[in-house]
Each structure stands twice: as C-alpha cells, then as structure tokens.
Amino acid sequence: MNLRGRNKITPEFNMSSMTDVVFLLLIFFMIASTLAKQLNTIDVQLPQAKGKTENRNTVAVTINADNRFYVDETPVSKGQFRTTLLQKVGLLPTPSIVLRAAKNVAIEQVVYVMDLANQNGIKVVLAVDTQ
C-alpha cells in the first residue's frame, strides 16, 4: 500500500524575485548618485529669488564675499580666471556656466564674468537661493 500524497514540495529557493529586488535597488542608487552631485561646494550666501538653478553640464564660477574667484572648487586669481575658465568650458559640448556670486559682491565683478562669457559665446545662469 502506497501512502504518498500527490503534492510534492521541493525545498528549492527561487532566485528570480531576489534578482528583481537587487536590480531595482541598483537602479535606484545609480539615479540617486547622479542627482547627489552638488554645485554648492563653496559656502556663499546667494541672493534670493523665486527660481531654481540646476544644470549638470556646467562649470560653476563662484565669487565669494572677499572677491575671490573659484572655477568649480579651485581658487583662481583674476588674472588667470579667463584662461582657466575657457579651458574648463572648452571640454563641454554646450558651453555654459553657473555664476554663484555672494550678495555683497560688487556688480563690477559679476559684469566682468558675464562680459567674458558673452565675448566667448558661453551661456550664463545666475544661481540664487530660493525663497
């Protein structure tokens, strides 16, 4: 007399659902890491406006309260600013910069950077703090 049941349970682990979860986590962290790139590496108190400045394919130009120039994170003297900026922007497919000037920076410094960009066909985006 055979007393075995018809349903046979096999103790195997199905990996397809586990790989789906791992791939979803991988995609999430890849997207989150690209969005985590910050342009605000130098502490500058920006003027306030009702807008949002965010562009990933740009060079960040910062003028702090002491009228020091920075191209991305590197400090640059005003005499070397032009050559350094043109070298950095020359590597981009569409030349554009994000100008981050502190509130109390003289307008002549901002106009200097914007004029330099205008002469070389570089798009300028002015960074502000949102209200």
C-alpha atoms as a PDB file:
ATOM      1  CA  MET A   1       0.000   0.000   0.000  1.00  0.00           C
ATOM      2  CA  ASN A   2       1.470   3.348  -1.151  1.00  0.00           C
ATOM      3  CA  LEU A   3       0.574   6.235   1.239  1.00  0.00           C
ATOM      4  CA  ARG A   4       2.414   9.062  -0.501  1.00  0.00           C
ATOM      5  CA  GLY A   5       0.458  12.210  -1.351  1.00  0.00           C
ATOM      6  CA  ARG A   6       0.123  13.726  -4.754  1.00  0.00           C
ATOM      7  CA  ASN A   7       1.641  17.127  -3.857  1.00  0.00           C
ATOM      8  CA  LYS A   8       5.381  17.044  -3.708  1.00  0.00           C
ATOM      9  CA  ILE A   9       7.011  20.081  -2.084  1.00  0.00           C
ATOM     10  CA  THR A  10      10.570  20.668  -3.180  1.00  0.00           C
ATOM     11  CA  PRO A  11      12.806  22.660  -0.831  1.00  0.00           C
ATOM     12  CA  GLU A  12      14.340  24.873  -3.534  1.00  0.00           C
ATOM     13  CA  PHE A  13      14.787  28.659  -3.397  1.00  0.00           C
ATOM     14  CA  ASN A  14      13.625  30.715  -6.378  1.00  0.00           C
ATOM     15  CA  MET A  15      16.189  33.441  -7.120  1.00  0.00           C
ATOM     16  CA  SER A  16      14.174  35.392  -9.726  1.00  0.00           C
ATOM     17  CA  SER A  17      12.361  37.573  -7.203  1.00  0.00           C
ATOM     18  CA  MET A  18      15.610  38.258  -5.334  1.00  0.00           C
ATOM     19  CA  THR A  19      17.370  39.393  -8.515  1.00  0.00           C
ATOM     20  CA  ASP A  20      14.448  41.699  -9.344  1.00  0.00           C
ATOM     21  CA  VAL A  21      14.807  43.418  -5.977  1.00  0.00           C
ATOM     22  CA  VAL A  22      18.586  43.722  -6.346  1.00  0.00           C
ATOM     23  CA  PHE A  23      18.283  45.274  -9.809  1.00  0.00           C
ATOM     24  CA  LEU A  24      15.663  47.750  -8.612  1.00  0.00           C
ATOM     25  CA  LEU A  25      17.936  48.793  -5.748  1.00  0.00           C
ATOM     26  CA  LEU A  26      20.859  49.125  -8.145  1.00  0.00           C
ATOM     27  CA  ILE A  27      18.867  51.376 -10.475  1.00  0.00           C
ATOM     28  CA  PHE A  28      17.640  53.464  -7.530  1.00  0.00           C
ATOM     29  CA  PHE A  29      21.147  54.065  -6.206  1.00  0.00           C
ATOM     30  CA  MET A  30      22.509  54.848  -9.673  1.00  0.00           C
ATOM     31  CA  ILE A  31      19.867  57.534 -10.185  1.00  0.00           C
ATOM     32  CA  ALA A  32      20.258  58.876  -6.642  1.00  0.00           C
ATOM     33  CA  SER A  33      24.035  59.144  -7.000  1.00  0.00           C
ATOM     34  CA  THR A  34      23.775  61.205 -10.195  1.00  0.00           C
ATOM     35  CA  LEU A  35      21.325  63.567  -8.503  1.00  0.00           C
ATOM     36  CA  ALA A  36      23.567  63.915  -5.459  1.00  0.00           C
ATOM     37  CA  LYS A  37      26.220  65.926  -7.291  1.00  0.00           C
ATOM     38  CA  GLN A  38      26.219  69.358  -5.701  1.00  0.00           C
ATOM     39  CA  LEU A  39      27.325  72.650  -7.132  1.00  0.00           C
ATOM     40  CA  ASN A  40      27.275  74.308  -3.716  1.00  0.00           C
ATOM     41  CA  THR A  41      30.759  73.299  -2.630  1.00  0.00           C
ATOM     42  CA  ILE A  42      31.957  76.784  -1.639  1.00  0.00           C
ATOM     43  CA  ASP A  43      29.903  78.455   1.065  1.00  0.00           C
ATOM     44  CA  VAL A  44      28.462  81.646  -0.437  1.00  0.00           C
ATOM     45  CA  GLN A  45      25.358  83.495   0.695  1.00  0.00           C
ATOM     46  CA  LEU A  46      23.433  83.878  -2.560  1.00  0.00           C
ATOM     47  CA  PRO A  47      20.742  86.462  -3.294  1.00  0.00           C
ATOM     48  CA  GLN A  48      17.177  85.191  -3.063  1.00  0.00           C
ATOM     49  CA  ALA A  49      14.722  84.782  -5.915  1.00  0.00           C
ATOM     50  CA  LYS A  50      11.756  82.650  -6.870  1.00  0.00           C
ATOM     51  CA  GLY A  51      13.578  80.246  -9.107  1.00  0.00           C
ATOM     52  CA  LYS A  52      15.660  77.136  -9.081  1.00  0.00           C
ATOM     53  CA  THR A  53      19.075  76.842 -10.700  1.00  0.00           C
ATOM     54  CA  GLU A  54      20.191  73.368 -11.583  1.00  0.00           C
ATOM     55  CA  ASN A  55      22.178  72.215 -14.542  1.00  0.00           C
ATOM     56  CA  ARG A  56      24.574  69.292 -14.534  1.00  0.00           C
ATOM     57  CA  ASN A  57      26.687  70.035 -17.628  1.00  0.00           C
ATOM     58  CA  THR A  58      28.113  73.340 -16.497  1.00  0.00           C
ATOM     59  CA  VAL A  59      31.151  74.855 -14.868  1.00  0.00           C
ATOM     60  CA  ALA A  60      30.484  76.556 -11.529  1.00  0.00           C
ATOM     61  CA  VAL A  61      32.013  80.024 -11.199  1.00  0.00           C
ATOM     62  CA  THR A  62      31.900  81.362  -7.649  1.00  0.00           C
ATOM     63  CA  ILE A  63      32.713  84.836  -6.385  1.00  0.00           C
ATOM     64  CA  ASN A  64      32.747  84.918  -2.590  1.00  0.00           C
ATOM     65  CA  ALA A  65      32.349  87.908  -0.258  1.00  0.00           C
ATOM     66  CA  ASP A  66      36.119  88.598  -0.362  1.00  0.00           C
ATOM     67  CA  ASN A  67      36.003  88.949  -4.193  1.00  0.00           C
ATOM     68  CA  ARG A  68      37.914  85.694  -4.688  1.00  0.00           C
ATOM     69  CA  PHE A  69      37.170  83.769  -7.870  1.00  0.00           C
ATOM     70  CA  TYR A  70      36.669  79.999  -7.981  1.00  0.00           C
ATOM     71  CA  VAL A  71      36.253  77.816 -11.055  1.00  0.00           C
ATOM     72  CA  ASP A  72      34.467  74.716  -9.787  1.00  0.00           C
ATOM     73  CA  GLU A  73      36.290  74.197  -6.465  1.00  0.00           C
ATOM     74  CA  THR A  74      39.713  75.606  -7.389  1.00  0.00           C
ATOM     75  CA  PRO A  75      40.618  79.176  -6.369  1.00  0.00           C
ATOM     76  CA  VAL A  76      41.821  81.267  -9.300  1.00  0.00           C
ATOM     77  CA  SER A  77      43.325  84.751  -9.407  1.00  0.00           C
ATOM     78  CA  LYS A  78      41.533  87.334 -11.517  1.00  0.00           C
ATOM     79  CA  GLY A  79      44.486  87.409 -13.927  1.00  0.00           C
ATOM     80  CA  GLN A  80      44.289  83.660 -14.600  1.00  0.00           C
ATOM     81  CA  PHE A  81      40.494  83.479 -14.451  1.00  0.00           C
ATOM     82  CA  ARG A  82      39.974  83.933 -18.194  1.00  0.00           C
ATOM     83  CA  THR A  83      42.332  81.141 -19.301  1.00  0.00           C
ATOM     84  CA  THR A  84      41.185  78.740 -16.594  1.00  0.00           C
ATOM     85  CA  LEU A  85      37.515  79.288 -17.395  1.00  0.00           C
ATOM     86  CA  LEU A  86      37.999  78.895 -21.144  1.00  0.00           C
ATOM     87  CA  GLN A  87      39.953  75.664 -20.632  1.00  0.00           C
ATOM     88  CA  LYS A  88      37.218  74.160 -18.409  1.00  0.00           C
ATOM     89  CA  VAL A  89      34.342  75.283 -20.623  1.00  0.00           C
ATOM     90  CA  GLY A  90      36.118  74.091 -23.756  1.00  0.00           C
ATOM     91  CA  LEU A  91      35.653  70.491 -22.609  1.00  0.00           C
ATOM     92  CA  LEU A  92      31.840  70.763 -22.546  1.00  0.00           C
ATOM     93  CA  PRO A  93      29.613  70.023 -25.538  1.00  0.00           C
ATOM     94  CA  THR A  94      27.479  73.118 -24.836  1.00  0.00           C
ATOM     95  CA  PRO A  95      29.495  75.837 -23.083  1.00  0.00           C
ATOM     96  CA  SER A  96      27.630  77.141 -20.055  1.00  0.00           C
ATOM     97  CA  ILE A  97      28.490  78.317 -16.566  1.00  0.00           C
ATOM     98  CA  VAL A  98      26.571  78.751 -13.321  1.00  0.00           C
ATOM     99  CA  LEU A  99      27.564  82.065 -11.769  1.00  0.00           C
ATOM    100  CA  ARG A 100      27.370  81.962  -7.978  1.00  0.00           C
ATOM    101  CA  ALA A 101      28.068  85.453  -6.639  1.00  0.00           C
ATOM    102  CA  ALA A 102      27.617  86.375  -2.989  1.00  0.00           C
ATOM    103  CA  LYS A 103      25.042  89.032  -2.099  1.00  0.00           C
ATOM    104  CA  ASN A 104      27.542  91.724  -1.257  1.00  0.00           C
ATOM    105  CA  VAL A 105      29.882  91.244  -4.243  1.00  0.00           C
ATOM    106  CA  ALA A 106      30.377  94.392  -6.289  1.00  0.00           C
ATOM    107  CA  ILE A 107      28.424  94.391  -9.519  1.00  0.00           C
ATOM    108  CA  GLU A 108      31.651  95.038 -11.459  1.00  0.00           C
ATOM    109  CA  GLN A 109      32.874  91.529 -10.616  1.00  0.00           C
ATOM    110  CA  VAL A 110      29.643  89.954 -11.858  1.00  0.00           C
ATOM    111  CA  VAL A 111      29.675  92.065 -15.020  1.00  0.00           C
ATOM    112  CA  TYR A 112      33.307  91.069 -15.631  1.00  0.00           C
ATOM    113  CA  VAL A 113      32.386  87.379 -15.634  1.00  0.00           C
ATOM    114  CA  MET A 114      29.236  87.903 -17.700  1.00  0.00           C
ATOM    115  CA  ASP A 115      31.120  90.030 -20.256  1.00  0.00           C
ATOM    116  CA  LEU A 116      33.839  87.383 -20.554  1.00  0.00           C
ATOM    117  CA  ALA A 117      31.180  84.733 -21.116  1.00  0.00           C
ATOM    118  CA  ASN A 118      29.351  86.893 -23.658  1.00  0.00           C
ATOM    119  CA  GLN A 119      32.539  87.509 -25.669  1.00  0.00           C
ATOM    120  CA  ASN A 120      33.208  83.754 -25.896  1.00  0.00           C
ATOM    121  CA  GLY A 121      29.637  82.567 -26.537  1.00  0.00           C
ATOM    122  CA  ILE A 122      29.167  80.954 -23.126  1.00  0.00           C
ATOM    123  CA  LYS A 123      25.692  80.702 -21.650  1.00  0.00           C
ATOM    124  CA  VAL A 124      25.455  82.170 -18.119  1.00  0.00           C
ATOM    125  CA  VAL A 125      22.983  81.038 -15.478  1.00  0.00           C
ATOM    126  CA  LEU A 126      22.840  83.111 -12.288  1.00  0.00           C
ATOM    127  CA  ALA A 127      22.468  80.976  -9.164  1.00  0.00           C
ATOM    128  CA  VAL A 128      20.143  82.181  -6.402  1.00  0.00           C
ATOM    129  CA  ASP A 129      18.711  80.849  -3.156  1.00  0.00           C
ATOM    130  CA  THR A 130      15.023  80.020  -3.348  1.00  0.00           C
ATOM    131  CA  GLN A 131      12.701  81.993  -1.128  1.00  0.00           C
END
